[in-house]
Amino acid sequence: MFTAAFFPFLIALGLWQLEREQQKIVTEKVYETRNASEPIDVSSIDWASSDLNWIAVTATGFFDNTRQLLLDNRILNSVVGYEVLAPFYTDGRVLLVNRGWIAQGQSRQSLPELVLTEDRVTITGHIYVPDGELMILGAEEAVTESWPKVIQSVDIQTLSSVMDEAFETHVVRLDENSTAVLQTNWTAINMRPEVHRAYAVQWFVMASVLMFLYLFFSIRKLER
């Protein structure tokens, strides 16, 4: 009964890891292709589309430098810091733009100084669609009066309500050469495809060991 229950379970886990490997390979290819393409003006984007991830975009407008957000617990080169997000107004649209990473500083009570131009600028970046990552603005941050606000995660709908802005459905991450960018370390995936393959091999090995033990002890029982 133990073998009948766990053997198909282990095989299913192995197959799931192989499926995840293929998904990551496809994601990497899409990222490389779209990252190398010419940026599209945001006015031409269908924000209701389900296929927006990593599309290169450009926009001209103004940043709101008085209401910036600090996405907490972001690590770059083993240094703790924040990702800085700011509203960007362009042609009747409002984008939530991720400017990149900035170091935390000596303490959490001393927030980094965020400098932004008030001039009209052109930015380039790509649309970021989280892969199963739920981002939520905590209630404790939503009621604070001071800016910038430190948040633990980002939910566009909640932020639109809290900040009284009609943000587009996804964040735009700035390219490394864009105006107003900080430090960037954007990647298409958070785990290499070969890691999933290694996990799959582990599950299949465990299933093989389980079947071997089942046959071994069954044969010994018949011999007795």
C-alpha atoms as a PDB file:
ATOM      1  CA  MET A   1       0.000   0.000   0.000  1.00  0.00           C
ATOM      2  CA  PHE A   2       2.878   2.335   0.806  1.00  0.00           C
ATOM      3  CA  THR A   3       4.508   1.674  -2.560  1.00  0.00           C
ATOM      4  CA  ALA A   4       1.224   1.986  -4.445  1.00  0.00           C
ATOM      5  CA  ALA A   5       0.624   5.363  -2.850  1.00  0.00           C
ATOM      6  CA  PHE A   6       4.093   6.932  -3.084  1.00  0.00           C
ATOM      7  CA  PHE A   7       5.542   5.491  -6.307  1.00  0.00           C
ATOM      8  CA  PRO A   8       3.122   7.351  -8.673  1.00  0.00           C
ATOM      9  CA  PHE A   9       3.444  10.422  -6.445  1.00  0.00           C
ATOM     10  CA  LEU A  10       7.238  10.488  -6.861  1.00  0.00           C
ATOM     11  CA  ILE A  11       6.952   9.920 -10.620  1.00  0.00           C
ATOM     12  CA  ALA A  12       4.434  12.770 -10.875  1.00  0.00           C
ATOM     13  CA  LEU A  13       6.798  15.097  -9.019  1.00  0.00           C
ATOM     14  CA  GLY A  14       9.611  14.210 -11.409  1.00  0.00           C
ATOM     15  CA  LEU A  15       7.432  14.842 -14.468  1.00  0.00           C
ATOM     16  CA  TRP A  16       6.285  18.154 -12.970  1.00  0.00           C
ATOM     17  CA  GLN A  17       9.904  19.274 -12.574  1.00  0.00           C
ATOM     18  CA  LEU A  18      10.617  18.365 -16.214  1.00  0.00           C
ATOM     19  CA  GLU A  19       7.587  20.408 -17.244  1.00  0.00           C
ATOM     20  CA  ARG A  20       8.870  23.360 -15.209  1.00  0.00           C
ATOM     21  CA  GLU A  21      12.236  23.007 -16.948  1.00  0.00           C
ATOM     22  CA  GLN A  22      10.592  23.337 -20.363  1.00  0.00           C
ATOM     23  CA  GLN A  23       8.563  26.333 -19.184  1.00  0.00           C
ATOM     24  CA  LYS A  24      11.740  28.080 -18.009  1.00  0.00           C
ATOM     25  CA  ILE A  25      13.482  27.366 -21.333  1.00  0.00           C
ATOM     26  CA  VAL A  26      10.569  28.920 -23.242  1.00  0.00           C
ATOM     27  CA  THR A  27      10.527  31.920 -20.884  1.00  0.00           C
ATOM     28  CA  GLU A  28      14.241  32.502 -21.408  1.00  0.00           C
ATOM     29  CA  LYS A  29      13.840  32.442 -25.200  1.00  0.00           C
ATOM     30  CA  VAL A  30      10.923  34.895 -25.065  1.00  0.00           C
ATOM     31  CA  TYR A  31      12.933  37.185 -22.782  1.00  0.00           C
ATOM     32  CA  GLU A  32      15.979  37.165 -25.053  1.00  0.00           C
ATOM     33  CA  THR A  33      13.889  37.814 -28.170  1.00  0.00           C
ATOM     34  CA  ARG A  34      11.804  40.621 -26.717  1.00  0.00           C
ATOM     35  CA  ASN A  35      14.737  42.202 -24.889  1.00  0.00           C
ATOM     36  CA  ALA A  36      16.561  42.561 -28.215  1.00  0.00           C
ATOM     37  CA  SER A  37      13.568  44.025 -30.092  1.00  0.00           C
ATOM     38  CA  GLU A  38      12.832  47.712 -30.691  1.00  0.00           C
ATOM     39  CA  PRO A  39      10.689  49.268 -27.929  1.00  0.00           C
ATOM     40  CA  ILE A  40       7.024  49.981 -28.609  1.00  0.00           C
ATOM     41  CA  ASP A  41       5.328  53.176 -27.453  1.00  0.00           C
ATOM     42  CA  VAL A  42       3.091  52.419 -24.469  1.00  0.00           C
ATOM     43  CA  SER A  43       0.155  54.061 -26.236  1.00  0.00           C
ATOM     44  CA  SER A  44       0.190  51.108 -28.670  1.00  0.00           C
ATOM     45  CA  ILE A  45       0.082  48.433 -25.950  1.00  0.00           C
ATOM     46  CA  ASP A  46      -3.096  46.440 -25.334  1.00  0.00           C
ATOM     47  CA  TRP A  47      -2.820  46.229 -21.552  1.00  0.00           C
ATOM     48  CA  ALA A  48      -5.645  43.682 -21.411  1.00  0.00           C
ATOM     49  CA  SER A  49      -3.558  41.167 -23.377  1.00  0.00           C
ATOM     50  CA  SER A  50      -2.346  38.012 -21.634  1.00  0.00           C
ATOM     51  CA  ASP A  51       0.961  38.046 -23.530  1.00  0.00           C
ATOM     52  CA  LEU A  52       2.767  41.187 -22.326  1.00  0.00           C
ATOM     53  CA  ASN A  53       5.691  39.848 -20.318  1.00  0.00           C
ATOM     54  CA  TRP A  54       9.074  41.366 -21.251  1.00  0.00           C
ATOM     55  CA  ILE A  55       7.706  43.453 -24.153  1.00  0.00           C
ATOM     56  CA  ALA A  56      10.091  46.388 -24.677  1.00  0.00           C
ATOM     57  CA  VAL A  57       8.351  49.760 -24.335  1.00  0.00           C
ATOM     58  CA  THR A  58       9.119  53.463 -24.437  1.00  0.00           C
ATOM     59  CA  ALA A  59       7.211  56.428 -23.041  1.00  0.00           C
ATOM     60  CA  THR A  60       7.600  60.203 -22.721  1.00  0.00           C
ATOM     61  CA  GLY A  61       6.203  62.065 -19.747  1.00  0.00           C
ATOM     62  CA  PHE A  62       6.771  63.088 -16.145  1.00  0.00           C
ATOM     63  CA  PHE A  63       7.653  61.238 -12.935  1.00  0.00           C
ATOM     64  CA  ASP A  64       5.877  61.965  -9.663  1.00  0.00           C
ATOM     65  CA  ASN A  65       9.002  62.453  -7.572  1.00  0.00           C
ATOM     66  CA  THR A  66       7.022  63.172  -4.390  1.00  0.00           C
ATOM     67  CA  ARG A  67       5.357  59.733  -4.110  1.00  0.00           C
ATOM     68  CA  GLN A  68       7.902  56.995  -4.555  1.00  0.00           C
ATOM     69  CA  LEU A  69       7.685  53.472  -3.126  1.00  0.00           C
ATOM     70  CA  LEU A  70      10.437  51.297  -1.660  1.00  0.00           C
ATOM     71  CA  LEU A  71       9.911  47.587  -2.292  1.00  0.00           C
ATOM     72  CA  ASP A  72      11.546  45.980   0.732  1.00  0.00           C
ATOM     73  CA  ASN A  73      13.998  43.076   1.116  1.00  0.00           C
ATOM     74  CA  ARG A  74      15.593  43.189  -2.339  1.00  0.00           C
ATOM     75  CA  ILE A  75      19.135  41.811  -2.436  1.00  0.00           C
ATOM     76  CA  LEU A  76      21.797  42.665  -5.012  1.00  0.00           C
ATOM     77  CA  ASN A  77      25.306  41.186  -4.766  1.00  0.00           C
ATOM     78  CA  SER A  78      24.560  40.068  -1.177  1.00  0.00           C
ATOM     79  CA  VAL A  79      23.622  43.632  -0.151  1.00  0.00           C
ATOM     80  CA  VAL A  80      20.148  44.319   1.260  1.00  0.00           C
ATOM     81  CA  GLY A  81      18.212  47.173  -0.295  1.00  0.00           C
ATOM     82  CA  TYR A  82      15.012  48.261  -1.998  1.00  0.00           C
ATOM     83  CA  GLU A  83      13.537  48.444  -5.480  1.00  0.00           C
ATOM     84  CA  VAL A  84      12.257  51.970  -6.145  1.00  0.00           C
ATOM     85  CA  LEU A  85       8.900  52.452  -7.860  1.00  0.00           C
ATOM     86  CA  ALA A  86       7.364  55.750  -8.989  1.00  0.00           C
ATOM     87  CA  PRO A  87       4.266  56.879 -10.929  1.00  0.00           C
ATOM     88  CA  PHE A  88       4.964  58.059 -14.489  1.00  0.00           C
ATOM     89  CA  TYR A  89       2.418  60.174 -16.386  1.00  0.00           C
ATOM     90  CA  THR A  90       2.320  59.902 -20.180  1.00  0.00           C
ATOM     91  CA  ASP A  91      -0.423  60.830 -22.676  1.00  0.00           C
ATOM     92  CA  GLY A  92      -3.336  60.268 -20.321  1.00  0.00           C
ATOM     93  CA  ARG A  93      -1.857  57.062 -18.914  1.00  0.00           C
ATOM     94  CA  VAL A  94      -0.212  56.390 -15.565  1.00  0.00           C
ATOM     95  CA  LEU A  95       2.504  53.755 -15.379  1.00  0.00           C
ATOM     96  CA  LEU A  96       4.021  52.314 -12.230  1.00  0.00           C
ATOM     97  CA  VAL A  97       7.719  52.291 -13.079  1.00  0.00           C
ATOM     98  CA  ASN A  98      10.362  50.212 -11.294  1.00  0.00           C
ATOM     99  CA  ARG A  99      13.557  52.299 -11.382  1.00  0.00           C
ATOM    100  CA  GLY A 100      15.773  49.498 -10.054  1.00  0.00           C
ATOM    101  CA  TRP A 101      17.706  48.764  -6.875  1.00  0.00           C
ATOM    102  CA  ILE A 102      19.143  51.036  -4.202  1.00  0.00           C
ATOM    103  CA  ALA A 103      21.066  50.085  -1.039  1.00  0.00           C
ATOM    104  CA  GLN A 104      19.236  50.150   2.286  1.00  0.00           C
ATOM    105  CA  GLY A 105      21.717  52.299   4.194  1.00  0.00           C
ATOM    106  CA  GLN A 106      22.970  52.055   7.764  1.00  0.00           C
ATOM    107  CA  SER A 107      19.545  51.332   9.270  1.00  0.00           C
ATOM    108  CA  ARG A 108      15.934  50.751   8.268  1.00  0.00           C
ATOM    109  CA  GLN A 109      14.992  54.011   9.985  1.00  0.00           C
ATOM    110  CA  SER A 110      17.218  55.999   7.617  1.00  0.00           C
ATOM    111  CA  LEU A 111      15.606  55.720   4.193  1.00  0.00           C
ATOM    112  CA  PRO A 112      17.695  56.404   1.082  1.00  0.00           C
ATOM    113  CA  GLU A 113      17.425  59.759  -0.645  1.00  0.00           C
ATOM    114  CA  LEU A 114      15.523  59.444  -3.909  1.00  0.00           C
ATOM    115  CA  VAL A 115      16.275  62.093  -6.512  1.00  0.00           C
ATOM    116  CA  LEU A 116      14.121  62.469  -9.636  1.00  0.00           C
ATOM    117  CA  THR A 117      13.963  65.163 -12.275  1.00  0.00           C
ATOM    118  CA  GLU A 118      10.781  67.180 -12.717  1.00  0.00           C
ATOM    119  CA  ASP A 119      11.460  67.625 -16.432  1.00  0.00           C
ATOM    120  CA  ARG A 120       9.691  65.832 -19.246  1.00  0.00           C
ATOM    121  CA  VAL A 121      11.756  62.739 -20.072  1.00  0.00           C
ATOM    122  CA  THR A 122      11.695  59.650 -22.261  1.00  0.00           C
ATOM    123  CA  ILE A 123      12.121  56.266 -20.608  1.00  0.00           C
ATOM    124  CA  THR A 124      12.700  52.783 -21.987  1.00  0.00           C
ATOM    125  CA  GLY A 125      12.000  49.522 -20.256  1.00  0.00           C
ATOM    126  CA  HIS A 126       9.991  46.333 -20.436  1.00  0.00           C
ATOM    127  CA  ILE A 127       6.692  45.167 -19.036  1.00  0.00           C
ATOM    128  CA  TYR A 128       6.999  42.794 -16.099  1.00  0.00           C
ATOM    129  CA  VAL A 129       4.288  40.207 -15.426  1.00  0.00           C
ATOM    130  CA  PRO A 130       4.925  38.288 -12.166  1.00  0.00           C
ATOM    131  CA  ASP A 131       5.059  34.505 -12.521  1.00  0.00           C
ATOM    132  CA  GLY A 132       2.793  33.321  -9.745  1.00  0.00           C
ATOM    133  CA  GLU A 133       4.157  35.981  -7.409  1.00  0.00           C
ATOM    134  CA  LEU A 134       1.447  37.734  -5.431  1.00  0.00           C
ATOM    135  CA  MET A 135       2.423  41.281  -4.546  1.00  0.00           C
ATOM    136  CA  ILE A 136       0.306  43.019  -1.928  1.00  0.00           C
ATOM    137  CA  LEU A 137       0.562  46.405  -0.271  1.00  0.00           C
ATOM    138  CA  GLY A 138       0.260  45.810   3.452  1.00  0.00           C
ATOM    139  CA  ALA A 139      -2.286  47.801   5.405  1.00  0.00           C
ATOM    140  CA  GLU A 140       0.412  49.125   7.726  1.00  0.00           C
ATOM    141  CA  GLU A 141       2.141  50.850   4.800  1.00  0.00           C
ATOM    142  CA  ALA A 142      -1.069  52.079   3.233  1.00  0.00           C
ATOM    143  CA  VAL A 143      -1.967  54.339   6.177  1.00  0.00           C
ATOM    144  CA  THR A 144       1.413  56.031   6.641  1.00  0.00           C
ATOM    145  CA  GLU A 145       1.609  59.695   5.689  1.00  0.00           C
ATOM    146  CA  SER A 146       5.308  60.114   4.895  1.00  0.00           C
ATOM    147  CA  TRP A 147       6.980  59.438   1.567  1.00  0.00           C
ATOM    148  CA  PRO A 148       8.637  57.360   0.340  1.00  0.00           C
ATOM    149  CA  LYS A 149       6.552  54.451   1.635  1.00  0.00           C
ATOM    150  CA  VAL A 150       8.207  51.106   2.386  1.00  0.00           C
ATOM    151  CA  ILE A 151       6.123  48.224   1.056  1.00  0.00           C
ATOM    152  CA  GLN A 152       6.628  44.471   1.214  1.00  0.00           C
ATOM    153  CA  SER A 153       5.090  43.682  -2.180  1.00  0.00           C
ATOM    154  CA  VAL A 154       3.017  45.277  -4.952  1.00  0.00           C
ATOM    155  CA  ASP A 155      -0.578  44.827  -6.041  1.00  0.00           C
ATOM    156  CA  ILE A 156      -1.540  47.193  -8.864  1.00  0.00           C
ATOM    157  CA  GLN A 157      -5.228  47.334  -7.942  1.00  0.00           C
ATOM    158  CA  THR A 158      -4.510  48.077  -4.292  1.00  0.00           C
ATOM    159  CA  LEU A 159      -1.936  50.706  -5.161  1.00  0.00           C
ATOM    160  CA  SER A 160      -4.360  52.341  -7.600  1.00  0.00           C
ATOM    161  CA  SER A 161      -6.872  52.640  -4.784  1.00  0.00           C
ATOM    162  CA  VAL A 162      -4.386  53.775  -2.121  1.00  0.00           C
ATOM    163  CA  MET A 163      -2.663  56.343  -4.329  1.00  0.00           C
ATOM    164  CA  ASP A 164      -5.856  57.354  -6.190  1.00  0.00           C
ATOM    165  CA  GLU A 165      -4.303  56.599  -9.588  1.00  0.00           C
ATOM    166  CA  ALA A 166      -5.495  54.467 -12.507  1.00  0.00           C
ATOM    167  CA  PHE A 167      -2.249  52.563 -13.033  1.00  0.00           C
ATOM    168  CA  GLU A 168      -1.867  50.314 -16.058  1.00  0.00           C
ATOM    169  CA  THR A 169      -2.146  46.620 -15.236  1.00  0.00           C
ATOM    170  CA  HIS A 170       1.585  45.814 -15.006  1.00  0.00           C
ATOM    171  CA  VAL A 171       4.806  47.382 -13.776  1.00  0.00           C
ATOM    172  CA  VAL A 172       7.360  48.694 -16.279  1.00  0.00           C
ATOM    173  CA  ARG A 173      10.970  47.904 -15.345  1.00  0.00           C
ATOM    174  CA  LEU A 174      13.510  50.407 -16.642  1.00  0.00           C
ATOM    175  CA  ASP A 175      16.364  49.330 -18.901  1.00  0.00           C
ATOM    176  CA  GLU A 176      19.907  49.822 -17.652  1.00  0.00           C
ATOM    177  CA  ASN A 177      20.469  52.807 -20.008  1.00  0.00           C
ATOM    178  CA  SER A 178      17.125  54.510 -19.412  1.00  0.00           C
ATOM    179  CA  THR A 179      16.580  57.923 -17.896  1.00  0.00           C
ATOM    180  CA  ALA A 180      16.025  57.798 -14.084  1.00  0.00           C
ATOM    181  CA  VAL A 181      17.304  54.234 -13.756  1.00  0.00           C
ATOM    182  CA  LEU A 182      19.173  53.093 -10.658  1.00  0.00           C
ATOM    183  CA  GLN A 183      20.897  49.675 -10.538  1.00  0.00           C
ATOM    184  CA  THR A 184      19.233  46.864 -12.474  1.00  0.00           C
ATOM    185  CA  ASN A 185      19.599  43.127 -12.172  1.00  0.00           C
ATOM    186  CA  TRP A 186      16.556  41.928 -14.058  1.00  0.00           C
ATOM    187  CA  THR A 187      16.305  38.234 -14.953  1.00  0.00           C
ATOM    188  CA  ALA A 188      13.569  36.350 -16.763  1.00  0.00           C
ATOM    189  CA  ILE A 189      13.593  33.460 -14.278  1.00  0.00           C
ATOM    190  CA  ASN A 190      14.574  32.977 -10.664  1.00  0.00           C
ATOM    191  CA  MET A 191      15.831  29.410 -11.137  1.00  0.00           C
ATOM    192  CA  ARG A 192      17.857  27.957 -13.994  1.00  0.00           C
ATOM    193  CA  PRO A 193      16.148  25.205 -16.100  1.00  0.00           C
ATOM    194  CA  GLU A 194      18.878  22.679 -15.268  1.00  0.00           C
ATOM    195  CA  VAL A 195      18.038  22.982 -11.569  1.00  0.00           C
ATOM    196  CA  HIS A 196      14.551  21.648 -12.282  1.00  0.00           C
ATOM    197  CA  ARG A 197      16.130  18.779 -14.232  1.00  0.00           C
ATOM    198  CA  ALA A 198      18.301  17.931 -11.229  1.00  0.00           C
ATOM    199  CA  TYR A 199      15.225  17.917  -8.992  1.00  0.00           C
ATOM    200  CA  ALA A 200      13.448  15.625 -11.478  1.00  0.00           C
ATOM    201  CA  VAL A 201      16.365  13.169 -11.377  1.00  0.00           C
ATOM    202  CA  GLN A 202      16.173  13.127  -7.577  1.00  0.00           C
ATOM    203  CA  TRP A 203      12.460  12.285  -7.615  1.00  0.00           C
ATOM    204  CA  PHE A 204      12.964   9.538 -10.207  1.00  0.00           C
ATOM    205  CA  VAL A 205      15.858   8.061  -8.187  1.00  0.00           C
ATOM    206  CA  MET A 206      13.680   8.004  -5.074  1.00  0.00           C
ATOM    207  CA  ALA A 207      10.922   6.262  -7.037  1.00  0.00           C
ATOM    208  CA  SER A 208      13.434   3.691  -8.335  1.00  0.00           C
ATOM    209  CA  VAL A 209      14.757   3.021  -4.827  1.00  0.00           C
ATOM    210  CA  LEU A 210      11.214   2.602  -3.531  1.00  0.00           C
ATOM    211  CA  MET A 211      10.383   0.078  -6.273  1.00  0.00           C
ATOM    212  CA  PHE A 212      13.664  -1.767  -5.684  1.00  0.00           C
ATOM    213  CA  LEU A 213      12.934  -2.083  -1.963  1.00  0.00           C
ATOM    214  CA  TYR A 214       9.399  -3.279  -2.700  1.00  0.00           C
ATOM    215  CA  LEU A 215      10.628  -6.010  -5.052  1.00  0.00           C
ATOM    216  CA  PHE A 216      13.523  -6.944  -2.764  1.00  0.00           C
ATOM    217  CA  PHE A 217      11.383  -7.496   0.320  1.00  0.00           C
ATOM    218  CA  SER A 218       8.610  -9.179  -1.715  1.00  0.00           C
ATOM    219  CA  ILE A 219      11.092 -11.738  -3.113  1.00  0.00           C
ATOM    220  CA  ARG A 220      12.564 -12.393   0.361  1.00  0.00           C
ATOM    221  CA  LYS A 221       9.069 -13.000   1.685  1.00  0.00           C
ATOM    222  CA  LEU A 222       8.339 -15.522  -1.111  1.00  0.00           C
ATOM    223  CA  GLU A 223      11.641 -17.313  -0.406  1.00  0.00           C
ATOM    224  CA  ARG A 224      10.757 -17.690   3.242  1.00  0.00           C
END
